[in-house]
Amino acid sequence: MSEQLLPLFPLQAVMFPGARLPLHIFEDRYRDLVNECLREEKEFGMTLAVGGDVASVGCTAAVSSVLKRYPDGRMDIVVEGRRRFRVHGHDVGPVGYLVGRVEYLPSDPQEVDRRLADETIRLYNDLVTLVYKERVDRVQEGSSDSQLSFFLAQKAGLDLPQRQQLLETESENERLKILHQYLTVVLPRLTRASEVERVIRSDGYLQSEDPSEEE
């Protein structure tokens, strides 16, 4: 598959296809990136950045809504995950943000293991019932979504390395196995209030492009 150029937004977060994430944008280069994507109705790439290292697999995001624009140019937006990609190299663009040479990853053609999917859904439903009560909808067994794992992962309480591992796993059945194993381990721990709080904290929040920035 041929490489394409994609503006990159490294962040201490992992975006999944179909997920929605609120972001607070304040740095000039990322204001320019977001405004360009809004004008041209195009996507940018979100990649996990930890300690100066940028992950090799990320997910494109499109701005689904602008919640607020501030007089100084800052903005609150909501983005939606679209397509997974692999970065084969990147350079600093003329405005200061990274531009990656990326390859878009194909969807998994393998048929989903229905028994595995339903067992994982049951475990997920147990988790959201315990942690979120009625605030998060349960998932109906028998779902035919080819990217079910990414949907389930959004509220499962995975940490960043676990989320990145899931994003990088190409097979849907392998992703479901990872989630099934994780949920089997974490559910017995949810009798502890501290574990419930950890799961809740791991969900999406109003993320700044600089995790150290305080508003």
Protein backbone atom coordinates (compact mmCIF):
# COMPACT_ATOMS: atom_id res chain seq x y z
CA MET A 1 0.00 0.00 0.00
CA SER A 2 1.36 3.40 -0.94
CA GLU A 3 2.30 5.96 1.71
CA GLN A 4 0.32 9.19 2.14
CA LEU A 5 1.04 12.39 4.03
CA LEU A 6 -0.98 13.04 7.18
CA PRO A 7 -0.70 15.84 9.78
CA LEU A 8 0.01 14.30 13.18
CA PHE A 9 -1.17 15.28 16.64
CA PRO A 10 0.89 13.38 19.27
CA LEU A 11 -0.97 13.18 22.56
CA GLN A 12 -1.03 11.21 25.80
CA ALA A 13 -4.19 9.44 24.66
CA VAL A 14 -5.12 6.58 22.36
CA MET A 15 -7.91 7.18 19.86
CA PHE A 16 -10.01 4.24 18.60
CA PRO A 17 -12.06 4.11 15.40
CA GLY A 18 -15.58 5.27 16.24
CA ALA A 19 -14.57 6.84 19.57
CA ARG A 20 -15.25 10.46 20.47
CA LEU A 21 -12.87 12.57 22.54
CA PRO A 22 -13.08 16.20 23.71
CA LEU A 23 -9.85 18.21 23.32
CA HIS A 24 -8.73 21.62 24.47
CA ILE A 25 -6.51 23.23 21.80
CA PHE A 26 -4.28 26.11 22.82
CA GLU A 27 -0.85 25.79 21.15
CA ASP A 28 -0.48 27.84 17.95
CA ARG A 29 0.64 24.98 15.73
CA TYR A 30 -2.30 22.80 16.75
CA ARG A 31 -4.75 25.67 16.36
CA ASP A 32 -3.45 25.95 12.79
CA LEU A 33 -3.78 22.20 12.30
CA VAL A 34 -7.37 22.08 13.56
CA ASN A 35 -8.45 25.18 11.61
CA GLU A 36 -6.93 23.75 8.43
CA CYS A 37 -8.77 20.45 8.95
CA LEU A 38 -12.02 22.33 9.55
CA ARG A 39 -11.61 24.45 6.40
CA GLU A 40 -10.69 21.53 4.18
CA GLU A 41 -12.90 18.94 5.93
CA LYS A 42 -10.01 16.55 6.34
CA GLU A 43 -8.67 14.27 9.05
CA PHE A 44 -5.51 14.44 11.12
CA GLY A 45 -3.65 11.61 12.80
CA MET A 46 -3.66 11.06 16.56
CA THR A 47 -0.71 9.11 17.94
CA LEU A 48 0.22 8.18 21.48
CA ALA A 49 3.23 10.18 22.70
CA VAL A 50 5.04 9.16 25.88
CA GLY A 51 8.40 10.55 26.97
CA GLY A 52 9.14 12.05 23.57
CA ASP A 53 8.43 8.80 21.71
CA VAL A 54 5.60 8.68 19.18
CA ALA A 55 3.79 5.38 18.62
CA SER A 56 4.05 3.81 15.18
CA VAL A 57 0.30 3.05 14.94
CA GLY A 58 -2.37 5.69 15.39
CA CYS A 59 -5.91 6.56 14.37
CA THR A 60 -7.17 9.41 12.24
CA ALA A 61 -9.61 11.87 13.77
CA ALA A 62 -12.12 14.28 12.29
CA VAL A 63 -13.48 17.31 14.14
CA SER A 64 -17.14 16.54 14.77
CA SER A 65 -17.94 19.75 16.64
CA VAL A 66 -16.41 22.96 17.98
CA LEU A 67 -17.74 23.45 21.50
CA LYS A 68 -16.18 26.84 22.20
CA ARG A 69 -13.79 29.37 20.69
CA TYR A 70 -11.93 31.68 23.05
CA PRO A 71 -10.94 35.30 22.22
CA ASP A 72 -7.24 34.36 22.25
CA GLY A 73 -7.72 31.60 19.65
CA ARG A 74 -7.94 28.62 21.95
CA MET A 75 -10.80 26.21 21.34
CA ASP A 76 -12.64 23.24 22.80
CA ILE A 77 -13.50 20.61 20.21
CA VAL A 78 -14.78 17.05 19.96
CA VAL A 79 -13.06 14.66 17.56
CA GLU A 80 -14.19 11.28 16.24
CA GLY A 81 -11.85 8.40 15.42
CA ARG A 82 -11.90 7.09 11.87
CA ARG A 83 -9.08 4.93 10.41
CA ARG A 84 -6.03 3.19 11.82
CA PHE A 85 -2.67 3.95 10.22
CA ARG A 86 0.99 3.03 10.56
CA VAL A 87 3.66 5.75 10.56
CA HIS A 88 6.71 5.02 8.37
CA GLY A 89 8.43 8.32 9.12
CA HIS A 90 7.65 11.94 9.89
CA ASP A 91 9.01 15.44 9.45
CA VAL A 92 8.23 18.83 10.96
CA GLY A 93 5.93 20.75 8.61
CA PRO A 94 6.20 24.48 7.79
CA VAL A 95 3.77 25.46 10.58
CA GLY A 96 5.53 23.39 13.24
CA TYR A 97 3.39 20.28 13.63
CA LEU A 98 4.54 16.84 12.48
CA VAL A 99 3.57 15.48 9.09
CA GLY A 100 3.73 11.70 8.85
CA ARG A 101 4.25 9.36 5.95
CA VAL A 102 1.56 6.83 6.73
CA GLU A 103 -0.01 3.65 5.47
CA TYR A 104 -3.70 3.09 6.23
CA LEU A 105 -4.38 -0.32 7.75
CA PRO A 106 -7.07 -2.50 6.15
CA SER A 107 -10.05 -3.86 8.05
CA ASP A 108 -9.78 -7.43 9.31
CA PRO A 109 -11.52 -9.76 6.80
CA GLN A 110 -11.66 -12.66 9.27
CA GLU A 111 -15.09 -13.73 10.52
CA VAL A 112 -15.68 -12.78 14.14
CA ASP A 113 -15.81 -15.61 16.69
CA ARG A 114 -19.43 -15.21 17.78
CA ARG A 115 -19.03 -17.11 21.04
CA LEU A 116 -15.95 -15.09 22.02
CA ALA A 117 -17.71 -11.83 21.11
CA ASP A 118 -20.81 -12.63 23.18
CA GLU A 119 -18.75 -13.75 26.19
CA THR A 120 -16.77 -10.51 26.01
CA ILE A 121 -19.98 -8.49 25.73
CA ARG A 122 -21.37 -10.21 28.85
CA LEU A 123 -18.22 -9.35 30.82
CA TYR A 124 -18.32 -5.77 29.53
CA ASN A 125 -21.97 -5.41 30.54
CA ASP A 126 -21.12 -6.64 34.04
CA LEU A 127 -18.38 -4.00 34.26
CA VAL A 128 -20.48 -1.05 33.10
CA THR A 129 -23.31 -2.10 35.41
CA LEU A 130 -20.96 -2.18 38.41
CA VAL A 131 -19.01 0.96 37.58
CA TYR A 132 -21.36 3.29 35.71
CA LYS A 133 -24.77 2.05 36.93
CA GLU A 134 -27.30 3.42 34.40
CA ARG A 135 -25.00 6.08 32.89
CA VAL A 136 -23.52 3.81 30.22
CA ASP A 137 -25.66 1.63 27.95
CA ARG A 138 -25.22 -2.10 27.93
CA VAL A 139 -24.33 -3.78 24.62
CA GLN A 140 -26.70 -6.30 23.11
CA GLU A 141 -25.26 -9.76 22.53
CA GLY A 142 -25.09 -10.77 18.88
CA SER A 143 -23.75 -7.40 17.76
CA SER A 144 -22.42 -7.65 14.20
CA ASP A 145 -20.10 -4.64 14.46
CA SER A 146 -16.78 -5.62 12.83
CA GLN A 147 -14.96 -3.29 15.21
CA LEU A 148 -16.83 -4.25 18.37
CA SER A 149 -13.58 -4.46 20.35
CA PHE A 150 -12.84 -0.77 19.86
CA PHE A 151 -16.31 0.17 21.10
CA LEU A 152 -16.04 -2.01 24.20
CA ALA A 153 -12.55 -0.72 24.98
CA GLN A 154 -13.73 2.88 25.34
CA LYS A 155 -15.33 2.34 28.77
CA ALA A 156 -13.43 -0.75 29.94
CA GLY A 157 -10.79 1.11 31.96
CA LEU A 158 -7.74 0.07 29.94
CA ASP A 159 -4.55 1.98 30.66
CA LEU A 160 -2.56 3.63 27.85
CA PRO A 161 -0.24 0.67 27.07
CA GLN A 162 -3.25 -1.67 26.97
CA ARG A 163 -5.14 0.70 24.69
CA GLN A 164 -2.16 1.02 22.37
CA GLN A 165 -1.73 -2.76 22.26
CA LEU A 166 -5.37 -3.11 21.24
CA LEU A 167 -5.05 -0.44 18.54
CA GLU A 168 -1.98 -2.17 17.09
CA THR A 169 -3.60 -5.64 17.02
CA GLU A 170 -4.84 -6.31 13.49
CA SER A 171 -7.23 -9.21 14.13
CA GLU A 172 -10.63 -8.47 15.64
CA ASN A 173 -10.69 -11.89 17.29
CA GLU A 174 -7.29 -11.24 18.86
CA ARG A 175 -8.52 -7.89 20.13
CA LEU A 176 -11.57 -9.57 21.66
CA LYS A 177 -9.29 -12.14 23.33
CA ILE A 178 -7.24 -9.31 24.87
CA LEU A 179 -10.39 -7.65 26.19
CA HIS A 180 -11.84 -10.93 27.45
CA GLN A 181 -8.68 -11.70 29.41
CA TYR A 182 -8.54 -8.17 30.82
CA LEU A 183 -12.20 -8.15 31.89
CA THR A 184 -11.87 -11.59 33.49
CA VAL A 185 -9.06 -10.23 35.67
CA VAL A 186 -10.48 -6.79 36.47
CA LEU A 187 -14.10 -7.71 37.32
CA PRO A 188 -13.30 -9.46 40.62
CA ARG A 189 -11.38 -6.34 41.69
CA LEU A 190 -14.39 -4.06 41.30
CA THR A 191 -15.50 -4.78 44.85
CA ARG A 192 -12.78 -2.27 45.80
CA ALA A 193 -13.74 1.39 45.52
CA SER A 194 -10.21 2.30 44.42
CA GLU A 195 -10.47 0.00 41.40
CA VAL A 196 -13.82 1.49 40.41
CA GLU A 197 -12.29 4.96 40.62
CA ARG A 198 -9.35 3.83 38.44
CA VAL A 199 -11.69 2.57 35.72
CA ILE A 200 -13.68 5.81 35.77
CA ARG A 201 -10.53 7.96 35.61
CA SER A 202 -9.29 6.12 32.53
CA ASP A 203 -12.20 7.31 30.39
CA GLY A 204 -11.98 10.22 27.97
CA TYR A 205 -11.89 13.74 29.38
CA LEU A 206 -11.27 17.30 28.24
CA GLN A 207 -7.69 16.68 27.19
CA SER A 208 -5.22 19.46 26.49
CA GLU A 209 -2.52 18.88 23.89
CA ASP A 210 -0.05 19.54 26.71
CA PRO A 211 -0.82 17.22 29.66
CA SER A 212 1.07 19.54 32.00
CA GLU A 213 -1.01 22.58 31.07
CA GLU A 214 -3.52 23.68 33.68
CA GLU A 215 -6.35 26.01 32.76
